[in-house]
Amino acid sequence: MSTRQEENDIYIIPPNFIDTGTVFGGTIKLRNAAEALAVSLLIGLPVFHLPVTLTTKIIIACLTVLPAALFAIIGSQNKILGNMLGCEIDFIIKGLENASRSVVASRKDAMYKKRQIFYMPDATGNSRVCEDRIVQARVIAVAEKVVRVEIFGTECSILARDLSWDWLGDATERFHVGEQILVRILSVKIRSLEDISVKADVKSVNGNTSKDNLSKCKIQGKYVGTVTDIHKGTVFVRLHIGVNAVAHSCYDNRMPGKKDEVSFVVTRIDADRNVAVGLISRIIKQNI
């Protein structure tokens, strides 16, 4: 079969397969839906056995069961602010109480102090943190598609596309709360000590090996890779030889999902975008 014939035989992947293990068109994770159901039953059943009127039971359920169920569905879906446990922070001690062995401290004051040192201009008019400078940052939170870092008292979020030249399906597999990484400052906006915004990336610190790795690919060559994402029927694959690949066709009867290990056949090489284009011949191992 010719390359043109293979490319025209497209297997359409429904949009609800953008994320595996989801319900309601991919909007809610199956695990979160199950948690919401369990929480609703645990709280709701005792409420409806209370010795009160039906109206009172409904009011109590609305005040207890409904918020708990919504939190289980929405609040636990890998949000960036919920993943800061274990991060390293600075704080300034404001007071001590020996009797209760307690300490009052301020993280905000510590961040402002670091901003004063690293962002505000010195006597020569220069700042230590400026555009295009490579600095060390603390990872304070990690989600699937974003990493939040603190750069000398200022926090910023770095999206997955700016973390690596490789396509990342899940940033939590490569970055961890508490570690220190090198980032390049893309821009700094200083309006006041309290209002400083920073944009940074990680991938520009490391060399781009995509073009060199792309030379390893051969037309009609078969390679093993991992599905990193699926969007509107297009499957994005990271080949094990270090090449980003795009598949518009799937010859396996099963639907590919994120983190599935697949066999990929190269039909074309896009040198401008440094990606291999082809099809998925079969799914080697599904991520269940």
Protein backbone atom coordinates (compact mmCIF):
# COMPACT_ATOMS: atom_id res chain seq x y z
CA MET A 1 0.00 0.00 0.00
CA SER A 2 1.37 3.42 -0.90
CA THR A 3 2.03 6.18 1.57
CA ARG A 4 -0.80 8.28 0.09
CA GLN A 5 -3.28 5.42 0.51
CA GLU A 6 -2.22 4.89 4.12
CA GLU A 7 -2.62 8.58 4.96
CA ASN A 8 -6.11 8.70 3.42
CA ASP A 9 -7.33 5.73 5.48
CA ILE A 10 -7.95 7.82 8.60
CA TYR A 11 -9.35 6.35 11.80
CA ILE A 12 -11.30 9.13 13.51
CA ILE A 13 -10.87 9.32 17.27
CA PRO A 14 -13.78 10.99 19.10
CA PRO A 15 -12.94 14.15 21.08
CA ASN A 16 -14.06 12.51 24.34
CA PHE A 17 -10.93 10.35 24.19
CA ILE A 18 -8.74 13.39 24.91
CA ASP A 19 -8.33 11.96 28.39
CA THR A 20 -8.69 8.33 29.37
CA GLY A 21 -11.00 7.24 32.17
CA THR A 22 -13.48 10.09 31.90
CA VAL A 23 -17.27 10.43 31.78
CA PHE A 24 -19.70 13.03 30.44
CA GLY A 25 -17.72 13.71 27.27
CA GLY A 26 -14.33 13.77 28.98
CA THR A 27 -15.18 16.62 31.38
CA ILE A 28 -15.06 14.59 34.61
CA LYS A 29 -12.56 11.93 35.58
CA LEU A 30 -14.10 8.55 36.39
CA ARG A 31 -12.19 8.38 39.67
CA ASN A 32 -13.55 11.76 40.79
CA ALA A 33 -17.09 10.77 39.83
CA ALA A 34 -16.78 7.61 41.92
CA GLU A 35 -15.41 9.64 44.85
CA ALA A 36 -18.32 12.09 44.57
CA LEU A 37 -20.82 9.22 44.61
CA ALA A 38 -19.18 7.62 47.65
CA VAL A 39 -19.07 10.92 49.55
CA SER A 40 -22.71 11.67 48.69
CA LEU A 41 -23.82 8.27 49.99
CA LEU A 42 -21.75 8.49 53.17
CA ILE A 43 -23.18 11.90 54.06
CA GLY A 44 -26.62 11.64 52.45
CA LEU A 45 -27.84 8.35 53.91
CA PRO A 46 -27.46 9.42 57.57
CA VAL A 47 -29.08 12.79 56.76
CA PHE A 48 -32.24 11.15 55.38
CA HIS A 49 -32.52 8.99 58.50
CA LEU A 50 -32.66 12.00 60.81
CA PRO A 51 -35.92 12.37 62.82
CA VAL A 52 -36.91 15.64 61.10
CA THR A 53 -39.29 16.68 58.36
CA LEU A 54 -38.57 16.03 54.69
CA THR A 55 -38.07 19.74 54.00
CA THR A 56 -35.47 19.97 56.75
CA LYS A 57 -33.70 16.88 55.39
CA ILE A 58 -33.50 18.45 51.92
CA ILE A 59 -32.10 21.70 53.35
CA ILE A 60 -29.46 19.82 55.36
CA ALA A 61 -28.55 17.74 52.31
CA CYS A 62 -28.13 20.87 50.19
CA LEU A 63 -25.80 22.34 52.81
CA THR A 64 -23.71 19.20 53.29
CA VAL A 65 -24.02 16.63 50.51
CA LEU A 66 -23.99 19.03 47.55
CA PRO A 67 -20.81 21.00 48.52
CA ALA A 68 -18.99 17.76 49.37
CA ALA A 69 -19.92 16.19 46.03
CA LEU A 70 -18.89 19.30 44.09
CA PHE A 71 -15.56 19.41 45.91
CA ALA A 72 -14.95 15.74 45.07
CA ILE A 73 -15.63 16.39 41.37
CA ILE A 74 -14.00 19.79 40.89
CA GLY A 75 -11.74 20.48 43.84
CA SER A 76 -9.62 17.33 43.53
CA GLN A 77 -8.99 17.36 39.79
CA ASN A 78 -5.24 17.89 40.05
CA LYS A 79 -5.41 21.65 40.63
CA ILE A 80 -2.09 23.42 40.97
CA LEU A 81 -2.82 25.01 44.39
CA GLY A 82 -3.67 21.63 45.87
CA ASN A 83 -0.26 20.15 45.09
CA MET A 84 2.02 22.35 47.20
CA LEU A 85 2.47 19.86 50.05
CA GLY A 86 6.19 19.42 50.71
CA CYS A 87 7.38 22.58 48.98
CA GLU A 88 10.22 24.66 50.41
CA ILE A 89 9.36 28.23 51.42
CA ASP A 90 11.02 31.19 53.19
CA PHE A 91 9.47 33.05 56.09
CA ILE A 92 10.40 35.74 58.59
CA ILE A 93 9.68 35.03 62.25
CA LYS A 94 7.43 37.74 63.69
CA GLY A 95 7.01 36.40 67.21
CA LEU A 96 7.75 33.56 69.64
CA GLU A 97 5.73 32.14 72.53
CA ASN A 98 7.69 29.78 74.74
CA ALA A 99 4.69 28.68 76.80
CA SER A 100 2.84 27.16 73.87
CA ARG A 101 6.03 26.54 71.89
CA SER A 102 4.52 28.34 68.90
CA VAL A 103 5.95 30.68 66.27
CA VAL A 104 4.25 33.41 64.26
CA ALA A 105 5.87 33.95 60.87
CA SER A 106 5.20 35.76 57.59
CA ARG A 107 5.96 34.32 54.17
CA LYS A 108 4.80 37.52 52.47
CA ASP A 109 7.43 39.62 54.29
CA ALA A 110 10.12 37.11 53.35
CA MET A 111 9.09 37.24 49.68
CA TYR A 112 9.09 41.05 49.69
CA LYS A 113 12.57 41.03 51.25
CA LYS A 114 13.91 38.78 48.49
CA ARG A 115 12.19 40.90 45.84
CA GLN A 116 13.90 43.98 47.24
CA ILE A 117 17.29 42.30 46.91
CA PHE A 118 16.92 40.58 43.53
CA TYR A 119 14.41 42.64 41.51
CA MET A 120 14.68 46.25 42.55
CA PRO A 121 17.51 48.21 40.84
CA ASP A 122 20.70 48.75 42.80
CA ALA A 123 22.87 51.90 42.90
CA THR A 124 24.00 51.28 39.32
CA GLY A 125 20.43 50.86 38.07
CA ASN A 126 20.76 47.12 37.40
CA SER A 127 18.71 44.23 38.78
CA ARG A 128 20.01 40.78 39.64
CA VAL A 129 17.02 39.11 38.03
CA CYS A 130 16.56 40.43 34.51
CA GLU A 131 15.45 39.27 31.07
CA ASP A 132 17.42 36.39 29.49
CA ARG A 133 19.23 35.53 32.72
CA ILE A 134 19.37 31.92 33.88
CA VAL A 135 18.48 31.61 37.56
CA GLN A 136 17.63 28.92 40.07
CA ALA A 137 13.96 28.38 40.94
CA ARG A 138 12.12 26.29 43.52
CA VAL A 139 9.35 23.98 42.41
CA ILE A 140 6.45 24.65 44.78
CA ALA A 141 3.62 22.85 42.97
CA VAL A 142 3.22 20.43 40.07
CA ALA A 143 0.13 19.49 38.08
CA GLU A 144 -0.29 17.49 34.89
CA LYS A 145 0.21 20.38 32.48
CA VAL A 146 1.86 23.09 34.57
CA VAL A 147 4.65 23.59 37.09
CA ARG A 148 4.59 26.49 39.54
CA VAL A 149 7.93 27.86 40.70
CA GLU A 150 9.18 30.54 43.05
CA ILE A 151 11.95 32.74 41.67
CA PHE A 152 13.44 34.80 44.51
CA GLY A 153 10.17 35.82 46.09
CA THR A 154 8.01 35.88 42.95
CA GLU A 155 5.86 32.98 41.81
CA CYS A 156 5.09 32.07 38.21
CA SER A 157 3.52 29.14 36.38
CA ILE A 158 5.32 27.38 33.53
CA LEU A 159 3.14 25.49 31.08
CA ALA A 160 4.08 22.04 29.80
CA ARG A 161 5.05 23.37 26.35
CA ASP A 162 7.72 25.55 28.01
CA LEU A 163 9.10 22.81 30.25
CA SER A 164 10.79 20.61 27.67
CA TRP A 165 11.47 20.20 23.97
CA ASP A 166 10.03 16.72 24.46
CA TRP A 167 6.27 16.41 24.51
CA LEU A 168 5.27 15.84 28.13
CA GLY A 169 2.11 13.90 28.82
CA ASP A 170 2.36 14.46 32.57
CA ALA A 171 4.69 17.00 34.18
CA THR A 172 4.49 15.17 37.52
CA GLU A 173 6.60 12.37 36.06
CA ARG A 174 9.58 14.69 35.53
CA PHE A 175 9.20 17.51 38.06
CA HIS A 176 8.66 17.18 41.79
CA VAL A 177 7.69 19.54 44.60
CA GLY A 178 10.70 20.68 46.59
CA GLU A 179 13.35 20.32 43.90
CA GLN A 180 15.36 23.21 42.47
CA ILE A 181 15.63 23.75 38.71
CA LEU A 182 17.25 26.21 36.34
CA VAL A 183 14.95 28.54 34.40
CA ARG A 184 15.50 31.32 31.88
CA ILE A 185 13.80 34.65 32.57
CA LEU A 186 11.73 35.64 29.53
CA SER A 187 10.30 38.87 30.89
CA VAL A 188 10.07 40.86 34.12
CA LYS A 189 7.45 43.53 34.85
CA ILE A 190 8.06 45.62 37.96
CA ARG A 191 5.23 48.02 38.86
CA SER A 192 6.03 48.11 42.56
CA LEU A 193 7.58 45.87 45.21
CA GLU A 194 4.17 44.29 45.78
CA ASP A 195 3.37 43.95 42.07
CA ILE A 196 6.07 42.03 40.18
CA SER A 197 5.30 39.50 37.44
CA VAL A 198 7.79 37.12 35.85
CA LYS A 199 7.63 34.81 32.84
CA ALA A 200 10.16 31.98 32.55
CA ASP A 201 10.76 28.70 30.79
CA VAL A 202 12.86 25.61 31.34
CA LYS A 203 13.39 24.19 27.86
CA SER A 204 15.57 27.04 26.57
CA VAL A 205 18.13 26.26 29.29
CA ASN A 206 18.69 22.84 27.76
CA GLY A 207 19.80 22.30 24.19
CA ASN A 208 17.24 21.33 21.58
CA THR A 209 18.17 17.84 20.35
CA SER A 210 14.97 17.40 18.33
CA LYS A 211 16.64 17.96 14.96
CA ASP A 212 19.48 15.53 15.69
CA ASN A 213 17.07 12.88 16.93
CA LEU A 214 14.83 13.39 13.91
CA SER A 215 17.67 12.18 11.68
CA LYS A 216 17.27 8.76 13.32
CA CYS A 217 13.81 8.40 11.75
CA LYS A 218 13.41 6.70 8.39
CA ILE A 219 10.37 6.69 6.12
CA GLN A 220 8.34 3.51 6.68
CA GLY A 221 10.37 2.82 9.81
CA LYS A 222 8.61 1.31 12.83
CA TYR A 223 9.25 2.77 16.29
CA VAL A 224 7.84 2.35 19.77
CA GLY A 225 6.48 5.39 21.58
CA THR A 226 4.17 6.65 24.32
CA VAL A 227 0.99 8.64 23.72
CA THR A 228 1.37 12.03 25.43
CA ASP A 229 -1.92 13.62 24.39
CA ILE A 230 -4.94 13.37 22.10
CA HIS A 231 -6.74 16.37 20.64
CA LYS A 232 -9.57 16.36 18.09
CA GLY A 233 -8.60 13.00 16.65
CA THR A 234 -4.87 13.77 16.44
CA VAL A 235 -2.63 11.57 18.59
CA PHE A 236 0.64 13.03 19.88
CA VAL A 237 3.36 10.46 20.54
CA ARG A 238 6.80 10.69 22.09
CA LEU A 239 8.97 8.04 20.41
CA HIS A 240 11.51 6.21 22.54
CA ILE A 241 14.30 7.33 20.20
CA GLY A 242 13.69 10.92 21.35
CA VAL A 243 11.43 12.19 18.56
CA ASN A 244 8.06 13.93 18.75
CA ALA A 245 5.51 12.32 16.42
CA VAL A 246 1.96 13.00 15.22
CA ALA A 247 -0.47 10.26 14.19
CA HIS A 248 -3.65 10.99 12.23
CA SER A 249 -4.54 7.31 11.75
CA CYS A 250 -4.86 4.26 14.00
CA TYR A 251 -5.05 0.73 12.58
CA ASP A 252 -5.78 -0.91 15.93
CA ASN A 253 -9.40 -1.75 16.73
CA ARG A 254 -8.98 -0.18 20.15
CA MET A 255 -8.90 3.51 20.86
CA PRO A 256 -5.49 4.86 21.92
CA GLY A 257 -5.35 6.69 25.24
CA LYS A 258 -2.85 8.82 27.10
CA LYS A 259 0.26 6.96 28.29
CA ASP A 260 -0.47 3.98 26.02
CA GLU A 261 2.59 2.32 24.49
CA VAL A 262 2.13 2.11 20.73
CA SER A 263 3.87 0.99 17.56
CA PHE A 264 4.32 3.98 15.24
CA VAL A 265 5.05 3.89 11.49
CA VAL A 266 6.67 6.99 9.97
CA THR A 267 5.13 8.07 6.64
CA ARG A 268 6.56 11.59 6.46
CA ILE A 269 9.14 13.75 8.22
CA ASP A 270 8.26 17.39 8.91
CA ALA A 271 11.68 19.01 9.16
CA ASP A 272 10.21 22.49 9.68
CA ARG A 273 8.45 21.49 12.90
CA ASN A 274 10.94 18.75 13.85
CA VAL A 275 8.24 16.09 14.11
CA ALA A 276 7.61 12.73 12.49
CA VAL A 277 4.20 12.21 10.88
CA GLY A 278 2.68 8.77 10.51
CA LEU A 279 0.19 6.28 11.88
CA ILE A 280 -0.28 3.94 14.82
CA SER A 281 -0.10 0.37 13.57
CA ARG A 282 -1.06 -1.19 16.91
CA ILE A 283 -1.35 -0.57 20.62
CA ILE A 284 1.33 -2.53 22.43
CA LYS A 285 0.23 -1.82 25.99
CA GLN A 286 -2.73 0.15 27.26
CA ASN A 287 -2.49 2.36 30.32
CA ILE A 288 -5.40 1.09 32.40
